[in-house]
């Protein structure tokens, strides 16, 4: 095989791999991930009433990330907790309750 052809083939293989990765992670392909992060974070937020969640659409390489907003039982002021979902272990951890003056988060309207 001519020496000039090897770099061209390598570049073609890289381009094909990048295109297939982008196609696999576009559009609705991330929806099951977001739904899993949302349900697991809401289930973990047992101390909150009327909890809602805002999910980072893609998370990080290793973790799904979300904010859980709700009212602690017996309180009137809403709080926010950071939820971290381990993509490999499928487990979640919640951070402490952040007061409204520490975090200003608006929950977007649900899509119809």
PDB file of N, CA and C in Angstrom:
ATOM      1  N   UNK A   1       0.857  -1.175   0.000  1.00  0.00           N
ATOM      2  CA  UNK A   1       0.000   0.000   0.000  1.00  0.00           C
ATOM      3  C   UNK A   1       0.900   1.235   0.000  1.00  0.00           C
ATOM      4  N   UNK A   2       0.638   2.182  -0.883  1.00  0.00           N
ATOM      5  CA  UNK A   2       1.471   3.384  -0.928  1.00  0.00           C
ATOM      6  C   UNK A   2       1.401   4.151   0.388  1.00  0.00           C
ATOM      7  N   UNK A   3       2.538   4.751   0.761  1.00  0.00           N
ATOM      8  CA  UNK A   3       2.638   5.486   2.024  1.00  0.00           C
ATOM      9  C   UNK A   3       1.663   6.647   2.095  1.00  0.00           C
ATOM     10  N   UNK A   4       1.342   7.302   0.976  1.00  0.00           N
ATOM     11  CA  UNK A   4       0.415   8.434   0.981  1.00  0.00           C
ATOM     12  C   UNK A   4      -1.004   7.988   1.297  1.00  0.00           C
ATOM     13  N   UNK A   5      -1.338   6.773   1.013  1.00  0.00           N
ATOM     14  CA  UNK A   5      -2.698   6.274   1.189  1.00  0.00           C
ATOM     15  C   UNK A   5      -3.032   5.994   2.654  1.00  0.00           C
ATOM     16  N   UNK A   6      -2.063   5.637   3.459  1.00  0.00           N
ATOM     17  CA  UNK A   6      -2.312   5.296   4.864  1.00  0.00           C
ATOM     18  C   UNK A   6      -2.890   6.489   5.639  1.00  0.00           C
ATOM     19  N   UNK A   7      -2.301   7.698   5.587  1.00  0.00           N
ATOM     20  CA  UNK A   7      -2.900   8.821   6.312  1.00  0.00           C
ATOM     21  C   UNK A   7      -4.312   9.154   5.812  1.00  0.00           C
ATOM     22  N   UNK A   8      -4.528   9.026   4.513  1.00  0.00           N
ATOM     23  CA  UNK A   8      -5.856   9.312   3.960  1.00  0.00           C
ATOM     24  C   UNK A   8      -6.887   8.315   4.493  1.00  0.00           C
ATOM     25  N   UNK A   9      -6.525   7.035   4.555  1.00  0.00           N
ATOM     26  CA  UNK A   9      -7.429   6.027   5.094  1.00  0.00           C
ATOM     27  C   UNK A   9      -7.690   6.256   6.586  1.00  0.00           C
ATOM     28  N   UNK A  10      -6.654   6.645   7.311  1.00  0.00           N
ATOM     29  CA  UNK A  10      -6.828   6.908   8.743  1.00  0.00           C
ATOM     30  C   UNK A  10      -7.770   8.080   8.961  1.00  0.00           C
ATOM     31  N   UNK A  11      -7.607   9.141   8.177  1.00  0.00           N
ATOM     32  CA  UNK A  11      -8.500  10.295   8.291  1.00  0.00           C
ATOM     33  C   UNK A  11      -9.932   9.926   7.926  1.00  0.00           C
ATOM     34  N   UNK A  12     -10.092   9.096   6.917  1.00  0.00           N
ATOM     35  CA  UNK A  12     -11.436   8.658   6.530  1.00  0.00           C
ATOM     36  C   UNK A  12     -12.090   7.852   7.646  1.00  0.00           C
ATOM     37  N   UNK A  13     -11.331   6.968   8.274  1.00  0.00           N
ATOM     38  CA  UNK A  13     -11.869   6.157   9.372  1.00  0.00           C
ATOM     39  C   UNK A  13     -12.270   7.037  10.553  1.00  0.00           C
ATOM     40  N   UNK A  14     -11.445   8.027  10.891  1.00  0.00           N
ATOM     41  CA  UNK A  14     -11.757   8.937  11.990  1.00  0.00           C
ATOM     42  C   UNK A  14     -13.009   9.740  11.680  1.00  0.00           C
ATOM     43  N   UNK A  15     -13.122  10.231  10.460  1.00  0.00           N
ATOM     44  CA  UNK A  15     -14.303  11.010  10.067  1.00  0.00           C
ATOM     45  C   UNK A  15     -15.562  10.159  10.127  1.00  0.00           C
ATOM     46  N   UNK A  16     -15.480   8.919   9.680  1.00  0.00           N
ATOM     47  CA  UNK A  16     -16.643   8.035   9.716  1.00  0.00           C
ATOM     48  C   UNK A  16     -17.051   7.734  11.155  1.00  0.00           C
ATOM     49  N   UNK A  17     -16.072   7.509  12.025  1.00  0.00           N
ATOM     50  CA  UNK A  17     -16.372   7.238  13.432  1.00  0.00           C
ATOM     51  C   UNK A  17     -17.013   8.461  14.088  1.00  0.00           C
ATOM     52  N   UNK A  18     -16.466   9.635  13.830  1.00  0.00           N
ATOM     53  CA  UNK A  18     -17.015  10.866  14.414  1.00  0.00           C
ATOM     54  C   UNK A  18     -18.434  11.102  13.933  1.00  0.00           C
ATOM     55  N   UNK A  19     -18.693  10.858  12.682  1.00  0.00           N
ATOM     56  CA  UNK A  19     -20.044  11.058  12.140  1.00  0.00           C
ATOM     57  C   UNK A  19     -21.029  10.075  12.763  1.00  0.00           C
ATOM     58  N   UNK A  20     -20.613   8.819  12.950  1.00  0.00           N
ATOM     59  CA  UNK A  20     -21.526   7.842  13.542  1.00  0.00           C
ATOM     60  C   UNK A  20     -21.771   8.153  15.012  1.00  0.00           C
ATOM     61  N   UNK A  21     -20.761   8.657  15.728  1.00  0.00           N
ATOM     62  CA  UNK A  21     -20.936   9.028  17.132  1.00  0.00           C
ATOM     63  C   UNK A  21     -21.887  10.201  17.255  1.00  0.00           C
ATOM     64  N   UNK A  22     -21.740  11.176  16.383  1.00  0.00           N
ATOM     65  CA  UNK A  22     -22.609  12.351  16.431  1.00  0.00           C
ATOM     66  C   UNK A  22     -24.051  11.963  16.121  1.00  0.00           C
ATOM     67  N   UNK A  23     -24.237  11.088  15.169  1.00  0.00           N
ATOM     68  CA  UNK A  23     -25.593  10.665  14.818  1.00  0.00           C
ATOM     69  C   UNK A  23     -26.232   9.891  15.953  1.00  0.00           C
ATOM     70  N   UNK A  24     -25.438   9.056  16.626  1.00  0.00           N
ATOM     71  CA  UNK A  24     -25.991   8.249  17.708  1.00  0.00           C
ATOM     72  C   UNK A  24     -26.355   9.091  18.917  1.00  0.00           C
ATOM     73  N   UNK A  25     -25.700  10.240  19.095  1.00  0.00           N
ATOM     74  CA  UNK A  25     -25.962  11.029  20.286  1.00  0.00           C
ATOM     75  C   UNK A  25     -26.740  12.306  19.972  1.00  0.00           C
ATOM     76  N   UNK A  26     -27.435  12.324  18.873  1.00  0.00           N
ATOM     77  CA  UNK A  26     -28.200  13.508  18.525  1.00  0.00           C
ATOM     78  C   UNK A  26     -29.690  13.271  18.742  1.00  0.00           C
ATOM     79  N   UNK A  27     -30.431  14.353  18.720  1.00  0.00           N
ATOM     80  CA  UNK A  27     -31.886  14.266  18.771  1.00  0.00           C
ATOM     81  C   UNK A  27     -32.421  13.566  19.998  1.00  0.00           C
ATOM     82  N   UNK A  28     -33.313  12.636  19.771  1.00  0.00           N
ATOM     83  CA  UNK A  28     -34.008  11.950  20.856  1.00  0.00           C
ATOM     84  C   UNK A  28     -33.195  10.818  21.482  1.00  0.00           C
ATOM     85  N   UNK A  29     -31.975  10.587  21.010  1.00  0.00           N
ATOM     86  CA  UNK A  29     -31.160   9.501  21.556  1.00  0.00           C
ATOM     87  C   UNK A  29     -30.843   9.731  23.038  1.00  0.00           C
ATOM     88  N   UNK A  30     -30.814  10.975  23.482  1.00  0.00           N
ATOM     89  CA  UNK A  30     -30.506  11.293  24.875  1.00  0.00           C
ATOM     90  C   UNK A  30     -31.744  11.266  25.772  1.00  0.00           C
ATOM     91  N   UNK A  31     -32.928  11.170  25.211  1.00  0.00           N
ATOM     92  CA  UNK A  31     -34.156  11.232  26.012  1.00  0.00           C
ATOM     93  C   UNK A  31     -34.243  10.126  27.075  1.00  0.00           C
ATOM     94  N   UNK A  32     -33.917   8.870  26.773  1.00  0.00           N
ATOM     95  CA  UNK A  32     -33.953   7.838  27.822  1.00  0.00           C
ATOM     96  C   UNK A  32     -32.997   8.150  28.980  1.00  0.00           C
ATOM     97  N   UNK A  33     -31.834   8.703  28.661  1.00  0.00           N
ATOM     98  CA  UNK A  33     -30.877   9.092  29.697  1.00  0.00           C
ATOM     99  C   UNK A  33     -31.472  10.175  30.591  1.00  0.00           C
ATOM    100  N   UNK A  34     -32.032  11.210  29.994  1.00  0.00           N
ATOM    101  CA  UNK A  34     -32.640  12.303  30.769  1.00  0.00           C
ATOM    102  C   UNK A  34     -33.792  11.786  31.626  1.00  0.00           C
ATOM    103  N   UNK A  35     -34.590  10.897  31.085  1.00  0.00           N
ATOM    104  CA  UNK A  35     -35.715  10.340  31.846  1.00  0.00           C
ATOM    105  C   UNK A  35     -35.217   9.525  33.040  1.00  0.00           C
ATOM    106  N   UNK A  36     -34.148   8.764  32.857  1.00  0.00           N
ATOM    107  CA  UNK A  36     -33.605   7.963  33.955  1.00  0.00           C
ATOM    108  C   UNK A  36     -33.029   8.860  35.048  1.00  0.00           C
ATOM    109  N   UNK A  37     -32.274   9.879  34.659  1.00  0.00           N
ATOM    110  CA  UNK A  37     -31.719  10.814  35.645  1.00  0.00           C
ATOM    111  C   UNK A  37     -32.858  11.489  36.404  1.00  0.00           C
ATOM    112  N   UNK A  38     -33.870  11.941  35.689  1.00  0.00           N
ATOM    113  CA  UNK A  38     -35.004  12.612  36.306  1.00  0.00           C
ATOM    114  C   UNK A  38     -35.707  11.710  37.321  1.00  0.00           C
ATOM    115  N   UNK A  39     -36.048  10.497  36.929  1.00  0.00           N
ATOM    116  CA  UNK A  39     -36.793   9.609  37.830  1.00  0.00           C
ATOM    117  C   UNK A  39     -35.963   9.199  39.043  1.00  0.00           C
ATOM    118  N   UNK A  40     -34.677   8.915  38.843  1.00  0.00           N
ATOM    119  CA  UNK A  40     -33.833   8.505  39.968  1.00  0.00           C
ATOM    120  C   UNK A  40     -33.599   9.662  40.934  1.00  0.00           C
ATOM    121  N   UNK A  41     -33.415  10.874  40.411  1.00  0.00           N
ATOM    122  CA  UNK A  41     -33.195  12.030  41.281  1.00  0.00           C
ATOM    123  C   UNK A  41     -34.462  12.360  42.068  1.00  0.00           C
ATOM    124  N   UNK A  42     -35.613  12.311  41.409  1.00  0.00           N
ATOM    125  CA  UNK A  42     -36.876  12.566  42.119  1.00  0.00           C
ATOM    126  C   UNK A  42     -37.123  11.513  43.193  1.00  0.00           C
ATOM    127  N   UNK A  43     -36.829  10.260  42.892  1.00  0.00           N
ATOM    128  CA  UNK A  43     -37.030   9.182  43.864  1.00  0.00           C
ATOM    129  C   UNK A  43     -36.113   9.358  45.077  1.00  0.00           C
ATOM    130  N   UNK A  44     -34.929   9.898  44.867  1.00  0.00           N
ATOM    131  CA  UNK A  44     -33.977  10.085  45.969  1.00  0.00           C
ATOM    132  C   UNK A  44     -34.335  11.280  46.852  1.00  0.00           C
ATOM    133  N   UNK A  45     -35.112  12.206  46.323  1.00  0.00           N
ATOM    134  CA  UNK A  45     -35.445  13.429  47.056  1.00  0.00           C
ATOM    135  C   UNK A  45     -36.638  13.219  47.973  1.00  0.00           C
ATOM    136  N   UNK A  46     -36.522  12.271  48.878  1.00  0.00           N
ATOM    137  CA  UNK A  46     -37.644  11.895  49.741  1.00  0.00           C
ATOM    138  C   UNK A  46     -37.992  12.955  50.780  1.00  0.00           C
ATOM    139  N   UNK A  47     -37.071  13.869  51.058  1.00  0.00           N
ATOM    140  CA  UNK A  47     -37.341  14.898  52.063  1.00  0.00           C
ATOM    141  C   UNK A  47     -38.094  16.092  51.478  1.00  0.00           C
ATOM    142  N   UNK A  48     -38.290  16.097  50.160  1.00  0.00           N
ATOM    143  CA  UNK A  48     -38.944  17.229  49.506  1.00  0.00           C
ATOM    144  C   UNK A  48     -40.362  16.896  49.070  1.00  0.00           C
ATOM    145  N   UNK A  49     -41.241  17.880  49.221  1.00  0.00           N
ATOM    146  CA  UNK A  49     -42.608  17.762  48.724  1.00  0.00           C
ATOM    147  C   UNK A  49     -42.699  18.544  47.415  1.00  0.00           C
ATOM    148  N   UNK A  50     -43.583  18.112  46.554  1.00  0.00           N
ATOM    149  CA  UNK A  50     -43.807  18.784  45.278  1.00  0.00           C
ATOM    150  C   UNK A  50     -42.483  19.032  44.539  1.00  0.00           C
ATOM    151  N   UNK A  51     -41.647  18.022  44.511  1.00  0.00           N
ATOM    152  CA  UNK A  51     -40.337  18.153  43.884  1.00  0.00           C
ATOM    153  C   UNK A  51     -40.444  18.137  42.365  1.00  0.00           C
ATOM    154  N   UNK A  52     -39.589  18.925  41.740  1.00  0.00           N
ATOM    155  CA  UNK A  52     -39.440  18.899  40.283  1.00  0.00           C
ATOM    156  C   UNK A  52     -37.946  18.873  39.991  1.00  0.00           C
ATOM    157  N   UNK A  53     -37.609  18.516  38.780  1.00  0.00           N
ATOM    158  CA  UNK A  53     -36.199  18.342  38.445  1.00  0.00           C
ATOM    159  C   UNK A  53     -35.869  19.032  37.135  1.00  0.00           C
ATOM    160  N   UNK A  54     -34.659  19.591  37.077  1.00  0.00           N
ATOM    161  CA  UNK A  54     -34.114  20.167  35.843  1.00  0.00           C
ATOM    162  C   UNK A  54     -32.846  19.374  35.545  1.00  0.00           C
ATOM    163  N   UNK A  55     -32.860  18.632  34.438  1.00  0.00           N
ATOM    164  CA  UNK A  55     -31.748  17.746  34.088  1.00  0.00           C
ATOM    165  C   UNK A  55     -30.829  18.421  33.083  1.00  0.00           C
ATOM    166  N   UNK A  56     -29.529  18.352  33.367  1.00  0.00           N
ATOM    167  CA  UNK A  56     -28.534  18.775  32.377  1.00  0.00           C
ATOM    168  C   UNK A  56     -28.726  17.826  31.195  1.00  0.00           C
ATOM    169  N   UNK A  57     -28.915  18.340  29.988  1.00  0.00           N
ATOM    170  CA  UNK A  57     -29.286  17.473  28.856  1.00  0.00           C
ATOM    171  C   UNK A  57     -28.329  16.312  28.574  1.00  0.00           C
ATOM    172  N   UNK A  58     -27.041  16.465  28.871  1.00  0.00           N
ATOM    173  CA  UNK A  58     -26.080  15.429  28.532  1.00  0.00           C
ATOM    174  C   UNK A  58     -25.226  14.985  29.712  1.00  0.00           C
ATOM    175  N   UNK A  59     -25.160  15.775  30.767  1.00  0.00           N
ATOM    176  CA  UNK A  59     -24.316  15.451  31.907  1.00  0.00           C
ATOM    177  C   UNK A  59     -22.849  15.578  31.558  1.00  0.00           C
ATOM    178  N   UNK A  60     -22.014  14.973  32.377  1.00  0.00           N
ATOM    179  CA  UNK A  60     -20.581  14.959  32.100  1.00  0.00           C
ATOM    180  C   UNK A  60     -20.231  13.591  31.522  1.00  0.00           C
ATOM    181  N   UNK A  61     -18.963  13.346  31.325  1.00  0.00           N
ATOM    182  CA  UNK A  61     -18.561  12.057  30.767  1.00  0.00           C
ATOM    183  C   UNK A  61     -18.970  10.889  31.667  1.00  0.00           C
ATOM    184  N   UNK A  62     -18.897  11.091  32.983  1.00  0.00           N
ATOM    185  CA  UNK A  62     -19.171  10.000  33.925  1.00  0.00           C
ATOM    186  C   UNK A  62     -20.482  10.127  34.685  1.00  0.00           C
ATOM    187  N   UNK A  63     -21.062  11.330  34.689  1.00  0.00           N
ATOM    188  CA  UNK A  63     -22.217  11.557  35.556  1.00  0.00           C
ATOM    189  C   UNK A  63     -23.354  12.275  34.847  1.00  0.00           C
ATOM    190  N   UNK A  64     -24.562  11.933  35.244  1.00  0.00           N
ATOM    191  CA  UNK A  64     -25.733  12.715  34.900  1.00  0.00           C
ATOM    192  C   UNK A  64     -25.892  13.756  35.996  1.00  0.00           C
ATOM    193  N   UNK A  65     -26.319  14.949  35.644  1.00  0.00           N
ATOM    194  CA  UNK A  65     -26.413  16.045  36.603  1.00  0.00           C
ATOM    195  C   UNK A  65     -27.795  16.662  36.544  1.00  0.00           C
ATOM    196  N   UNK A  66     -28.312  17.027  37.706  1.00  0.00           N
ATOM    197  CA  UNK A  66     -29.633  17.640  37.742  1.00  0.00           C
ATOM    198  C   UNK A  66     -29.772  18.508  38.987  1.00  0.00           C
ATOM    199  N   UNK A  67     -30.750  19.388  38.946  1.00  0.00           N
ATOM    200  CA  UNK A  67     -31.149  20.174  40.106  1.00  0.00           C
ATOM    201  C   UNK A  67     -32.541  19.724  40.493  1.00  0.00           C
ATOM    202  N   UNK A  68     -32.733  19.417  41.764  1.00  0.00           N
ATOM    203  CA  UNK A  68     -34.039  19.025  42.273  1.00  0.00           C
ATOM    204  C   UNK A  68     -34.550  20.182  43.122  1.00  0.00           C
ATOM    205  N   UNK A  69     -35.739  20.667  42.800  1.00  0.00           N
ATOM    206  CA  UNK A  69     -36.324  21.806  43.491  1.00  0.00           C
ATOM    207  C   UNK A  69     -37.601  21.351  44.177  1.00  0.00           C
ATOM    208  N   UNK A  70     -37.753  21.707  45.441  1.00  0.00           N
ATOM    209  CA  UNK A  70     -38.954  21.337  46.172  1.00  0.00           C
ATOM    210  C   UNK A  70     -38.983  21.994  47.534  1.00  0.00           C
ATOM    211  N   UNK A  71     -40.018  21.680  48.279  1.00  0.00           N
ATOM    212  CA  UNK A  71     -40.200  22.240  49.618  1.00  0.00           C
ATOM    213  C   UNK A  71     -39.969  21.146  50.650  1.00  0.00           C
ATOM    214  N   UNK A  72     -39.038  21.377  51.581  1.00  0.00           N
ATOM    215  CA  UNK A  72     -38.844  20.379  52.630  1.00  0.00           C
ATOM    216  C   UNK A  72     -40.123  20.212  53.448  1.00  0.00           C
ATOM    217  N   UNK A  73     -40.374  19.003  53.889  1.00  0.00           N
ATOM    218  CA  UNK A  73     -41.565  18.737  54.688  1.00  0.00           C
ATOM    219  C   UNK A  73     -41.562  19.634  55.928  1.00  0.00           C
ATOM    220  N   UNK A  74     -42.677  20.322  56.163  1.00  0.00           N
ATOM    221  CA  UNK A  74     -42.795  21.217  57.301  1.00  0.00           C
ATOM    222  C   UNK A  74     -42.271  22.614  57.053  1.00  0.00           C
ATOM    223  N   UNK A  75     -41.889  22.927  55.826  1.00  0.00           N
ATOM    224  CA  UNK A  75     -41.359  24.252  55.493  1.00  0.00           C
ATOM    225  C   UNK A  75     -42.203  24.880  54.398  1.00  0.00           C
ATOM    226  N   UNK A  76     -42.085  26.179  54.246  1.00  0.00           N
ATOM    227  CA  UNK A  76     -42.796  26.872  53.172  1.00  0.00           C
ATOM    228  C   UNK A  76     -41.859  27.366  52.078  1.00  0.00           C
ATOM    229  N   UNK A  77     -40.566  27.407  52.372  1.00  0.00           N
ATOM    230  CA  UNK A  77     -39.587  27.915  51.408  1.00  0.00           C
ATOM    231  C   UNK A  77     -39.013  26.772  50.573  1.00  0.00           C
ATOM    232  N   UNK A  78     -38.981  26.975  49.270  1.00  0.00           N
ATOM    233  CA  UNK A  78     -38.412  25.972  48.368  1.00  0.00           C
ATOM    234  C   UNK A  78     -36.890  25.953  48.498  1.00  0.00           C
ATOM    235  N   UNK A  79     -36.317  24.795  48.284  1.00  0.00           N
ATOM    236  CA  UNK A  79     -34.866  24.628  48.287  1.00  0.00           C
ATOM    237  C   UNK A  79     -34.450  23.900  47.006  1.00  0.00           C
ATOM    238  N   UNK A  80     -33.157  23.921  46.746  1.00  0.00           N
ATOM    239  CA  UNK A  80     -32.600  23.223  45.585  1.00  0.00           C
ATOM    240  C   UNK A  80     -31.524  22.268  46.068  1.00  0.00           C
ATOM    241  N   UNK A  81     -31.518  21.067  45.500  1.00  0.00           N
ATOM    242  CA  UNK A  81     -30.464  20.094  45.782  1.00  0.00           C
ATOM    243  C   UNK A  81     -29.817  19.686  44.460  1.00  0.00           C
ATOM    244  N   UNK A  82     -28.509  19.518  44.495  1.00  0.00           N
ATOM    245  CA  UNK A  82     -27.787  19.034  43.329  1.00  0.00           C
ATOM    246  C   UNK A  82     -27.837  17.514  43.353  1.00  0.00           C
ATOM    247  N   UNK A  83     -28.213  16.930  42.230  1.00  0.00           N
ATOM    248  CA  UNK A  83     -28.287  15.474  42.120  1.00  0.00           C
ATOM    249  C   UNK A  83     -27.227  15.001  41.129  1.00  0.00           C
ATOM    250  N   UNK A  84     -26.451  14.007  41.540  1.00  0.00           N
ATOM    251  CA  UNK A  84     -25.398  13.432  40.701  1.00  0.00           C
ATOM    252  C   UNK A  84     -25.734  11.963  40.470  1.00  0.00           C
ATOM    253  N   UNK A  85     -25.874  11.591  39.199  1.00  0.00           N
ATOM    254  CA  UNK A  85     -26.224  10.234  38.782  1.00  0.00           C
ATOM    255  C   UNK A  85     -24.984   9.578  38.181  1.00  0.00           C
ATOM    256  N   UNK A  86     -24.526   8.478  38.777  1.00  0.00           N
ATOM    257  CA  UNK A  86     -23.364   7.754  38.271  1.00  0.00           C
ATOM    258  C   UNK A  86     -23.808   6.925  37.072  1.00  0.00           C
ATOM    259  N   UNK A  87     -23.281   7.218  35.900  1.00  0.00           N
ATOM    260  CA  UNK A  87     -23.711   6.550  34.669  1.00  0.00           C
ATOM    261  C   UNK A  87     -23.395   5.055  34.669  1.00  0.00           C
ATOM    262  N   UNK A  88     -22.311   4.645  35.308  1.00  0.00           N
ATOM    263  CA  UNK A  88     -21.956   3.227  35.319  1.00  0.00           C
ATOM    264  C   UNK A  88     -22.697   2.459  36.404  1.00  0.00           C
ATOM    265  N   UNK A  89     -22.720   2.992  37.620  1.00  0.00           N
ATOM    266  CA  UNK A  89     -23.341   2.291  38.743  1.00  0.00           C
ATOM    267  C   UNK A  89     -24.858   2.465  38.783  1.00  0.00           C
ATOM    268  N   UNK A  90     -25.367   3.484  38.056  1.00  0.00           N
ATOM    269  CA  UNK A  90     -26.814   3.780  38.031  1.00  0.00           C
ATOM    270  C   UNK A  90     -27.328   4.157  39.422  1.00  0.00           C
ATOM    271  N   UNK A  91     -26.494   4.855  40.195  1.00  0.00           N
ATOM    272  CA  UNK A  91     -26.880   5.311  41.523  1.00  0.00           C
ATOM    273  C   UNK A  91     -26.881   6.838  41.549  1.00  0.00           C
ATOM    274  N   UNK A  92     -27.583   7.408  42.523  1.00  0.00           N
ATOM    275  CA  UNK A  92     -27.613   8.864  42.657  1.00  0.00           C
ATOM    276  C   UNK A  92     -27.182   9.283  44.052  1.00  0.00           C
ATOM    277  N   UNK A  93     -26.683  10.496  44.133  1.00  0.00           N
ATOM    278  CA  UNK A  93     -26.378  11.136  45.407  1.00  0.00           C
ATOM    279  C   UNK A  93     -26.918  12.550  45.328  1.00  0.00           C
ATOM    280  N   UNK A  94     -27.479  13.007  46.449  1.00  0.00           N
ATOM    281  CA  UNK A  94     -27.994  14.364  46.531  1.00  0.00           C
ATOM    282  C   UNK A  94     -27.093  15.201  47.429  1.00  0.00           C
ATOM    283  N   UNK A  95     -26.901  16.469  47.022  1.00  0.00           N
ATOM    284  CA  UNK A  95     -26.185  17.406  47.868  1.00  0.00           C
ATOM    285  C   UNK A  95     -27.139  17.955  48.910  1.00  0.00           C
ATOM    286  N   UNK A  96     -26.633  18.840  49.743  1.00  0.00           N
ATOM    287  CA  UNK A  96     -27.450  19.458  50.781  1.00  0.00           C
ATOM    288  C   UNK A  96     -28.477  20.410  50.197  1.00  0.00           C
ATOM    289  N   UNK A  97     -29.372  20.878  51.063  1.00  0.00           N
ATOM    290  CA  UNK A  97     -30.422  21.801  50.643  1.00  0.00           C
ATOM    291  C   UNK A  97     -29.850  23.212  50.529  1.00  0.00           C
ATOM    292  N   UNK A  98     -29.973  23.791  49.348  1.00  0.00           N
ATOM    293  CA  UNK A  98     -29.507  25.153  49.099  1.00  0.00           C
ATOM    294  C   UNK A  98     -30.698  26.100  49.167  1.00  0.00           C
ATOM    295  N   UNK A  99     -30.569  27.121  49.977  1.00  0.00           N
ATOM    296  CA  UNK A  99     -31.659  28.074  50.189  1.00  0.00           C
ATOM    297  C   UNK A  99     -31.936  28.883  48.925  1.00  0.00           C
ATOM    298  N   UNK A 100     -33.146  29.449  48.821  1.00  0.00           N
ATOM    299  CA  UNK A 100     -33.512  30.218  47.633  1.00  0.00           C
ATOM    300  C   UNK A 100     -32.591  31.398  47.346  1.00  0.00           C
ATOM    301  N   UNK A 101     -32.004  31.991  48.378  1.00  0.00           N
ATOM    302  CA  UNK A 101     -31.102  33.123  48.129  1.00  0.00           C
ATOM    303  C   UNK A 101     -29.738  32.671  47.603  1.00  0.00           C
ATOM    304  N   UNK A 102     -29.429  31.377  47.719  1.00  0.00           N
ATOM    305  CA  UNK A 102     -28.161  30.840  47.222  1.00  0.00           C
ATOM    306  C   UNK A 102     -28.257  30.410  45.763  1.00  0.00           C
ATOM    307  N   UNK A 103     -29.436  29.953  45.363  1.00  0.00           N
ATOM    308  CA  UNK A 103     -29.621  29.441  44.000  1.00  0.00           C
ATOM    309  C   UNK A 103     -30.933  29.970  43.447  1.00  0.00           C
ATOM    310  N   UNK A 104     -30.871  30.619  42.313  1.00  0.00           N
ATOM    311  CA  UNK A 104     -32.074  31.102  41.640  1.00  0.00           C
ATOM    312  C   UNK A 104     -32.283  30.221  40.411  1.00  0.00           C
ATOM    313  N   UNK A 105     -33.268  29.331  40.499  1.00  0.00           N
ATOM    314  CA  UNK A 105     -33.538  28.397  39.410  1.00  0.00           C
ATOM    315  C   UNK A 105     -34.993  28.453  39.074  1.00  0.00           C
ATOM    316  N   UNK A 106     -35.286  28.548  37.796  1.00  0.00           N
ATOM    317  CA  UNK A 106     -36.668  28.468  37.337  1.00  0.00           C
ATOM    318  C   UNK A 106     -36.860  27.166  36.591  1.00  0.00           C
ATOM    319  N   UNK A 107     -37.923  26.472  36.911  1.00  0.00           N
ATOM    320  CA  UNK A 107     -38.218  25.226  36.230  1.00  0.00           C
ATOM    321  C   UNK A 107     -38.921  25.563  34.920  1.00  0.00           C
ATOM    322  N   UNK A 108     -38.388  25.121  33.784  1.00  0.00           N
ATOM    323  CA  UNK A 108     -39.027  25.430  32.507  1.00  0.00           C
ATOM    324  C   UNK A 108     -40.396  24.758  32.397  1.00  0.00           C
ATOM    325  N   UNK A 109     -41.261  25.380  31.642  1.00  0.00           N
ATOM    326  CA  UNK A 109     -42.595  24.804  31.405  1.00  0.00           C
ATOM    327  C   UNK A 109     -42.445  23.483  30.666  1.00  0.00           C
ATOM    328  N   UNK A 110     -43.297  22.528  30.998  1.00  0.00           N
ATOM    329  CA  UNK A 110     -43.242  21.221  30.330  1.00  0.00           C
ATOM    330  C   UNK A 110     -43.718  21.359  28.902  1.00  0.00           C
ATOM    331  N   UNK A 111     -43.091  20.590  28.033  1.00  0.00           N
ATOM    332  CA  UNK A 111     -43.481  20.584  26.619  1.00  0.00           C
ATOM    333  C   UNK A 111     -44.838  19.927  26.481  1.00  0.00           C
ATOM    334  N   UNK A 112     -45.625  20.462  25.588  1.00  0.00           N
ATOM    335  CA  UNK A 112     -46.966  19.895  25.352  1.00  0.00           C
ATOM    336  C   UNK A 112     -46.943  18.923  24.222  1.00  0.00           C
TER     337      UNK A 112
END
